[in-house]
Amino acid sequence: MLMFYGATLAPLAMIALGATTGGPWPALALGYMTVPSFALDRLSARRAEDAGGDGEFPAAIPLLPIIGLAHLLLLALVVRAIAMPAETLGALGPWQRAFLGLATALVFGQISHPAAHELIHKPARLLRLMGRLIYTSLLVGHHASAHLRVHHVLVASDGDPNSARRGEGFYRFALRAGPGSFKAGLAADTAMLRRAGRPVWRHPYVLYCVGGVACMGAALALGGVPGLAAYVAICLYAQMQILMSDYVQHYGLRRQTLPGGRLEPVGPQHSWNTPHRFSSAMTLNAPRHSDHHVNPARVYPALRLRRADMPVLPYPLPAMAALSLVPPLWRRVMDRRLDRWTSPPGAG
């Protein structure tokens, strides 16, 4: 558990120091999320061990709300720091502002997102609410509904907007999955509301939309128009990180349609995984994605990785996400691997 705490909280502390004291901290935070992260994965053993049994991991749950509270605090600190007038005492320089904004968006997309993802799967109502608030603060609150009610039900099929198809480049996927996820989540939540006979004001999208507007208002109050612009830019970049994660972890994998028209059960062969230790700890074992889909309630330190029946990516998840930004190179690296998992036994 110590590795999860250290890998996730270190960049949050760097961003807090960068937003409040400036100095080298914005650059260090950005550096932590890029080159050193990849290097630590390469230096450490690639084969990460599974935790024995399901375990209880008493320290697993407290980390999630710690990250959630830090996320909300950092969002306010960073918006204020970036929007602070240049002539103000202690204001950051142009490069410090740029590094701080980029590092914050990377941390939100690669650490806050996995934490929120874990939270919305928890049975405790307050924890689920915190997860939804994290997504709402990133102006993508609907992801909480679309993930639970659409993605987990229809993953690895054309019915899921967030499952990338073979040959579909990231940019085309993002333009389809962004609005598609919003619409699919809205339809699923509306149907649930009708079945339960609940009033319209109980609709989850009320929280997502009103909360998003409130966050933009708070950014405007904290930093004026520059603060609002910085906030929206950070949110958009973090949203891109979330879409990249979905793209990489499900690219091209498909569930078969059974004779009765239903999809086959979700199996370990329907998600891509990575065994790299440091990036897995930093993203709360999100790269052990197959086991999460097969066992959604399993606590993140207990997620398992079995290479024999789980598709494995050649590089750490953050590196694969960066690779997806160059679609021809992505297809060159991935399509042969995809063929090995999707071709019938004995084919070729």
Protein backbone atom coordinates (compact mmCIF):
# COMPACT_ATOMS: atom_id res chain seq x y z
CA MET A 1 0.00 0.00 0.00
CA LEU A 2 2.90 2.40 0.63
CA MET A 3 3.72 2.48 -3.08
CA PHE A 4 0.15 3.53 -3.92
CA TYR A 5 0.31 6.36 -1.36
CA GLY A 6 3.75 7.56 -2.43
CA ALA A 7 3.18 7.37 -6.18
CA THR A 8 -0.14 9.24 -6.07
CA LEU A 9 0.42 11.82 -3.35
CA ALA A 10 3.91 12.99 -4.40
CA PRO A 11 2.75 14.86 -7.54
CA LEU A 12 -0.21 16.32 -5.64
CA ALA A 13 2.24 17.78 -3.11
CA MET A 14 4.47 19.14 -5.91
CA ILE A 15 1.51 20.89 -7.53
CA ALA A 16 0.43 22.38 -4.20
CA LEU A 17 3.96 23.73 -3.66
CA GLY A 18 4.08 25.00 -7.24
CA ALA A 19 0.77 26.84 -6.89
CA THR A 20 1.70 28.43 -3.56
CA THR A 21 5.47 29.00 -3.74
CA GLY A 22 6.41 28.73 -7.43
CA GLY A 23 10.11 27.94 -7.77
CA PRO A 24 11.01 24.69 -9.53
CA TRP A 25 7.91 22.83 -8.33
CA PRO A 26 5.73 23.29 -11.45
CA ALA A 27 8.51 21.88 -13.64
CA LEU A 28 9.20 19.06 -11.19
CA ALA A 29 5.52 18.12 -11.11
CA LEU A 30 5.36 18.03 -14.90
CA GLY A 31 8.57 16.05 -15.04
CA TYR A 32 7.27 13.53 -12.50
CA MET A 33 4.26 12.77 -14.70
CA THR A 34 6.35 12.24 -17.84
CA VAL A 35 9.96 11.04 -18.19
CA PRO A 36 10.72 9.83 -14.62
CA SER A 37 7.48 7.87 -14.53
CA PHE A 38 8.40 6.00 -17.71
CA ALA A 39 11.98 5.49 -16.50
CA LEU A 40 10.89 4.02 -13.16
CA ASP A 41 8.68 1.55 -15.00
CA ARG A 42 11.62 0.51 -17.16
CA LEU A 43 13.99 0.16 -14.22
CA SER A 44 11.66 -1.83 -12.00
CA ALA A 45 10.73 -5.43 -12.71
CA ARG A 46 8.02 -5.67 -15.35
CA ARG A 47 6.23 -8.57 -13.70
CA ALA A 48 4.16 -7.17 -10.85
CA GLU A 49 2.94 -9.68 -8.30
CA ASP A 50 -0.73 -10.24 -7.54
CA ALA A 51 -1.92 -9.67 -4.01
CA GLY A 52 -2.77 -12.91 -2.27
CA GLY A 53 -6.50 -13.55 -2.22
CA ASP A 54 -8.93 -10.68 -2.14
CA GLY A 55 -7.57 -9.26 1.11
CA GLU A 56 -9.18 -6.39 2.97
CA PHE A 57 -6.46 -3.77 2.51
CA PRO A 58 -7.63 -1.45 5.30
CA ALA A 59 -5.42 1.36 3.96
CA ALA A 60 -6.91 1.18 0.45
CA ILE A 61 -10.11 3.15 1.05
CA PRO A 62 -8.66 6.18 2.95
CA LEU A 63 -6.36 7.02 0.04
CA LEU A 64 -9.32 7.63 -2.27
CA PRO A 65 -11.02 10.46 -0.30
CA ILE A 66 -7.58 11.92 0.47
CA ILE A 67 -6.97 12.21 -3.28
CA GLY A 68 -10.52 13.50 -3.78
CA LEU A 69 -10.17 16.28 -1.21
CA ALA A 70 -6.70 17.17 -2.49
CA HIS A 71 -8.08 17.31 -6.04
CA LEU A 72 -10.75 19.87 -5.11
CA LEU A 73 -8.29 21.99 -3.11
CA LEU A 74 -5.65 21.90 -5.84
CA LEU A 75 -8.16 22.88 -8.49
CA ALA A 76 -8.86 26.14 -6.63
CA LEU A 77 -5.18 26.78 -5.84
CA VAL A 78 -4.02 26.20 -9.41
CA VAL A 79 -6.74 28.32 -11.03
CA ARG A 80 -5.92 31.17 -8.68
CA ALA A 81 -2.15 30.83 -9.21
CA ILE A 82 -2.37 30.74 -13.01
CA ALA A 83 -4.80 33.68 -13.15
CA MET A 84 -2.89 35.89 -10.70
CA PRO A 85 -1.83 39.18 -12.37
CA ALA A 86 1.86 39.24 -13.31
CA GLU A 87 2.50 42.41 -11.27
CA THR A 88 1.22 40.76 -8.06
CA LEU A 89 3.87 39.89 -5.48
CA GLY A 90 4.67 36.17 -5.71
CA ALA A 91 2.99 35.70 -9.09
CA LEU A 92 4.26 32.85 -11.25
CA GLY A 93 6.22 33.44 -14.42
CA PRO A 94 4.81 32.46 -17.84
CA TRP A 95 6.68 29.13 -17.98
CA GLN A 96 5.73 28.29 -14.40
CA ARG A 97 2.06 28.88 -15.24
CA ALA A 98 2.30 26.69 -18.34
CA PHE A 99 4.10 23.86 -16.51
CA LEU A 100 1.67 24.07 -13.59
CA GLY A 101 -1.38 23.89 -15.85
CA LEU A 102 -0.03 20.95 -17.85
CA ALA A 103 1.07 19.04 -14.76
CA THR A 104 -2.28 19.61 -13.07
CA ALA A 105 -4.22 18.36 -16.08
CA LEU A 106 -2.01 15.25 -16.26
CA VAL A 107 -2.47 14.56 -12.55
CA PHE A 108 -6.22 15.06 -12.79
CA GLY A 109 -6.47 12.76 -15.79
CA GLN A 110 -4.13 10.04 -14.49
CA ILE A 111 -4.63 10.14 -10.70
CA SER A 112 -7.87 11.97 -9.89
CA HIS A 113 -9.68 10.02 -12.62
CA PRO A 114 -8.70 6.55 -11.33
CA ALA A 115 -9.55 7.67 -7.78
CA ALA A 116 -12.97 8.93 -8.87
CA HIS A 117 -13.45 5.72 -10.85
CA GLU A 118 -12.79 3.66 -7.73
CA LEU A 119 -15.09 5.87 -5.65
CA ILE A 120 -18.13 5.54 -7.94
CA HIS A 121 -17.85 1.75 -7.61
CA LYS A 122 -17.99 1.86 -3.78
CA PRO A 123 -21.16 0.86 -1.90
CA ALA A 124 -20.96 3.81 0.53
CA ARG A 125 -23.12 6.69 -0.71
CA LEU A 126 -20.75 9.46 0.38
CA LEU A 127 -17.82 7.85 -1.40
CA ARG A 128 -19.86 7.50 -4.59
CA LEU A 129 -20.89 11.15 -4.30
CA MET A 130 -17.26 12.22 -3.97
CA GLY A 131 -16.40 10.34 -7.14
CA ARG A 132 -19.23 12.06 -9.00
CA LEU A 133 -18.11 15.45 -7.65
CA ILE A 134 -14.55 14.88 -8.90
CA TYR A 135 -15.86 14.16 -12.39
CA THR A 136 -18.26 17.10 -12.17
CA SER A 137 -15.38 19.42 -11.22
CA LEU A 138 -13.70 18.32 -14.47
CA LEU A 139 -16.89 19.17 -16.43
CA VAL A 140 -17.38 15.51 -17.26
CA GLY A 141 -19.77 14.46 -14.49
CA HIS A 142 -21.76 12.31 -16.89
CA HIS A 143 -18.79 9.91 -17.03
CA ALA A 144 -19.88 8.55 -13.63
CA SER A 145 -23.23 7.45 -15.07
CA ALA A 146 -22.00 6.39 -18.50
CA HIS A 147 -19.23 4.29 -16.97
CA LEU A 148 -21.49 2.36 -14.61
CA ARG A 149 -24.67 2.04 -16.68
CA VAL A 150 -23.29 1.85 -20.22
CA HIS A 151 -19.59 1.01 -20.31
CA HIS A 152 -19.71 -1.90 -17.86
CA VAL A 153 -22.83 -3.30 -19.52
CA LEU A 154 -21.85 -2.93 -23.18
CA VAL A 155 -18.04 -2.84 -23.04
CA ALA A 156 -16.23 -4.28 -26.07
CA SER A 157 -19.28 -3.85 -28.30
CA ASP A 158 -20.53 -1.23 -30.74
CA GLY A 159 -23.16 -0.25 -28.17
CA ASP A 160 -20.50 1.25 -25.92
CA PRO A 161 -19.30 4.69 -27.11
CA ASN A 162 -16.09 4.29 -25.08
CA SER A 163 -14.90 1.05 -26.68
CA ALA A 164 -12.67 1.93 -29.63
CA ARG A 165 -13.04 -0.03 -32.85
CA ARG A 166 -10.19 -1.59 -34.78
CA GLY A 167 -8.58 0.94 -37.12
CA GLU A 168 -10.28 3.88 -35.40
CA GLY A 169 -7.77 6.62 -34.65
CA PHE A 170 -7.84 8.35 -31.29
CA TYR A 171 -9.10 11.69 -32.63
CA ARG A 172 -11.99 10.08 -34.49
CA PHE A 173 -12.75 8.03 -31.38
CA ALA A 174 -12.72 11.11 -29.13
CA LEU A 175 -15.13 13.01 -31.39
CA ARG A 176 -17.49 10.02 -31.29
CA ALA A 177 -17.05 8.92 -27.67
CA GLY A 178 -17.30 12.38 -26.06
CA PRO A 179 -20.87 13.25 -27.09
CA GLY A 180 -21.82 9.56 -27.37
CA SER A 181 -20.97 8.93 -23.73
CA PHE A 182 -22.99 11.99 -22.64
CA LYS A 183 -26.06 10.85 -24.59
CA ALA A 184 -25.81 7.19 -23.56
CA GLY A 185 -25.42 8.07 -19.88
CA LEU A 186 -28.36 10.49 -20.08
CA ALA A 187 -30.59 7.84 -21.66
CA ALA A 188 -29.58 5.23 -19.07
CA ASP A 189 -30.14 7.57 -16.12
CA THR A 190 -33.49 8.78 -17.49
CA ALA A 191 -34.70 5.20 -17.89
CA MET A 192 -33.56 4.37 -14.37
CA LEU A 193 -35.37 7.44 -13.00
CA ARG A 194 -38.60 6.45 -14.71
CA ARG A 195 -38.43 2.87 -13.45
CA ALA A 196 -37.89 4.12 -9.90
CA GLY A 197 -40.63 6.77 -10.19
CA ARG A 198 -38.31 9.50 -8.94
CA PRO A 199 -38.87 13.22 -9.60
CA VAL A 200 -36.86 15.00 -12.30
CA TRP A 201 -34.80 16.97 -9.79
CA ARG A 202 -33.30 13.65 -8.61
CA HIS A 203 -31.80 13.12 -12.06
CA PRO A 204 -27.99 12.71 -11.74
CA TYR A 205 -27.50 15.02 -14.73
CA VAL A 206 -28.90 17.87 -12.64
CA LEU A 207 -25.85 17.53 -10.39
CA TYR A 208 -23.49 17.22 -13.34
CA CYS A 209 -24.83 20.26 -15.20
CA VAL A 210 -25.57 22.56 -12.25
CA GLY A 211 -22.33 21.51 -10.58
CA GLY A 212 -20.35 22.20 -13.75
CA VAL A 213 -21.84 25.69 -14.06
CA ALA A 214 -21.13 26.32 -10.38
CA CYS A 215 -17.49 25.28 -10.84
CA MET A 216 -17.10 27.64 -13.80
CA GLY A 217 -18.65 30.41 -11.69
CA ALA A 218 -16.20 29.67 -8.87
CA ALA A 219 -13.27 29.79 -11.33
CA LEU A 220 -14.52 33.14 -12.61
CA ALA A 221 -14.80 34.46 -9.05
CA LEU A 222 -11.30 33.21 -8.18
CA GLY A 223 -9.44 34.47 -11.22
CA GLY A 224 -11.74 36.42 -13.49
CA VAL A 225 -11.76 35.58 -17.19
CA PRO A 226 -8.14 34.27 -17.08
CA GLY A 227 -9.12 31.98 -14.23
CA LEU A 228 -12.12 30.65 -16.13
CA ALA A 229 -10.00 30.10 -19.24
CA ALA A 230 -7.34 28.25 -17.22
CA TYR A 231 -9.98 26.11 -15.54
CA VAL A 232 -11.68 25.12 -18.80
CA ALA A 233 -8.32 24.36 -20.44
CA ILE A 234 -7.27 22.10 -17.55
CA CYS A 235 -10.62 20.31 -17.66
CA LEU A 236 -10.44 19.73 -21.41
CA TYR A 237 -6.92 18.31 -21.19
CA ALA A 238 -7.94 16.07 -18.27
CA GLN A 239 -10.98 14.91 -20.27
CA MET A 240 -8.65 13.99 -23.12
CA GLN A 241 -6.62 11.87 -20.67
CA ILE A 242 -9.81 10.05 -19.64
CA LEU A 243 -10.72 9.36 -23.27
CA MET A 244 -7.17 8.20 -24.01
CA SER A 245 -7.41 5.73 -21.13
CA ASP A 246 -10.64 4.23 -22.50
CA TYR A 247 -9.23 4.16 -26.01
CA VAL A 248 -6.04 2.35 -25.03
CA GLN A 249 -7.66 -0.15 -22.68
CA HIS A 250 -10.31 -1.45 -25.09
CA TYR A 251 -8.94 -0.80 -28.58
CA GLY A 252 -10.31 -3.30 -31.10
CA LEU A 253 -11.36 -5.98 -28.60
CA ARG A 254 -14.92 -7.24 -29.15
CA ARG A 255 -17.39 -9.54 -27.41
CA GLN A 256 -19.16 -12.11 -29.56
CA THR A 257 -22.91 -11.98 -30.11
CA LEU A 258 -24.56 -15.20 -28.93
CA PRO A 259 -27.30 -16.98 -30.97
CA GLY A 260 -30.07 -15.33 -28.90
CA GLY A 261 -28.74 -11.88 -29.72
CA ARG A 262 -27.14 -11.28 -26.32
CA LEU A 263 -23.47 -10.45 -25.87
CA GLU A 264 -21.17 -13.06 -24.41
CA PRO A 265 -20.19 -12.44 -20.76
CA VAL A 266 -17.35 -10.00 -20.19
CA GLY A 267 -14.07 -11.89 -19.90
CA PRO A 268 -10.39 -11.12 -19.31
CA GLN A 269 -9.84 -11.08 -23.09
CA HIS A 270 -11.91 -7.91 -23.49
CA SER A 271 -9.48 -5.35 -21.98
CA TRP A 272 -5.83 -4.46 -22.48
CA ASN A 273 -3.54 -4.49 -19.43
CA THR A 274 -0.03 -3.44 -18.42
CA PRO A 275 2.16 -5.06 -15.74
CA HIS A 276 4.40 -2.06 -15.04
CA ARG A 277 4.71 -1.39 -11.33
CA PHE A 278 5.19 2.33 -10.90
CA SER A 279 2.55 3.59 -13.37
CA SER A 280 0.14 0.95 -12.05
CA ALA A 281 0.62 2.28 -8.52
CA MET A 282 0.29 5.89 -9.69
CA THR A 283 -3.01 5.07 -11.45
CA LEU A 284 -4.36 2.86 -8.64
CA ASN A 285 -3.98 -0.36 -10.63
CA ALA A 286 -6.18 0.94 -13.44
CA PRO A 287 -3.89 -0.88 -15.94
CA ARG A 288 -5.14 -4.18 -14.47
CA HIS A 289 -8.28 -3.48 -16.41
CA SER A 290 -9.46 -6.98 -17.30
CA ASP A 291 -9.90 -8.03 -13.70
CA HIS A 292 -11.77 -4.82 -12.92
CA HIS A 293 -14.34 -5.55 -15.63
CA VAL A 294 -14.71 -9.17 -14.57
CA ASN A 295 -14.85 -8.24 -10.85
CA PRO A 296 -15.98 -4.59 -10.61
CA ALA A 297 -16.32 -4.66 -6.82
CA ARG A 298 -12.77 -5.92 -6.20
CA VAL A 299 -10.69 -3.33 -4.30
CA TYR A 300 -7.90 -1.90 -6.46
CA PRO A 301 -4.86 -3.35 -4.59
CA ALA A 302 -6.33 -6.85 -5.05
CA LEU A 303 -6.81 -6.63 -8.82
CA ARG A 304 -5.08 -9.52 -10.55
CA LEU A 305 -3.02 -9.85 -13.69
CA ARG A 306 -2.75 -13.17 -15.52
CA ARG A 307 -0.81 -12.79 -18.77
CA ALA A 308 -1.97 -16.11 -20.18
CA ASP A 309 -5.58 -14.96 -20.72
CA MET A 310 -5.32 -11.16 -20.51
CA PRO A 311 -4.14 -9.02 -23.46
CA VAL A 312 -1.01 -7.10 -22.45
CA LEU A 313 0.22 -3.80 -23.89
CA PRO A 314 3.91 -3.47 -24.79
CA TYR A 315 4.51 -0.24 -22.83
CA PRO A 316 3.11 1.41 -19.67
CA LEU A 317 -0.37 2.89 -19.90
CA PRO A 318 0.79 6.58 -19.95
CA ALA A 319 3.27 5.76 -22.74
CA MET A 320 0.58 3.94 -24.74
CA ALA A 321 -1.73 6.92 -24.30
CA ALA A 322 0.96 9.19 -25.77
CA LEU A 323 1.45 6.71 -28.62
CA SER A 324 -2.26 6.86 -29.44
CA LEU A 325 -1.80 10.51 -30.43
CA VAL A 326 0.01 9.30 -33.57
CA PRO A 327 -2.60 6.99 -35.17
CA PRO A 328 -0.35 5.43 -37.90
CA LEU A 329 2.29 4.52 -35.32
CA TRP A 330 -0.40 3.26 -32.94
CA ARG A 331 -1.84 0.93 -35.56
CA ARG A 332 1.62 -0.35 -36.49
CA VAL A 333 2.28 -1.29 -32.85
CA MET A 334 -1.20 -2.54 -31.93
CA ASP A 335 -2.94 -4.20 -34.87
CA ARG A 336 -0.67 -7.25 -34.95
CA ARG A 337 -1.17 -7.73 -31.22
CA LEU A 338 -4.88 -7.32 -31.71
CA ASP A 339 -4.87 -10.02 -34.40
CA ARG A 340 -3.34 -12.49 -31.95
CA TRP A 341 -6.27 -11.99 -29.56
CA THR A 342 -9.11 -11.76 -32.05
CA SER A 343 -8.17 -14.36 -34.70
CA PRO A 344 -9.86 -17.77 -34.35
CA PRO A 345 -7.59 -20.56 -32.98
CA GLY A 346 -5.51 -22.02 -35.79
CA ALA A 347 -6.09 -19.09 -38.13
CA GLY A 348 -3.14 -17.71 -40.07
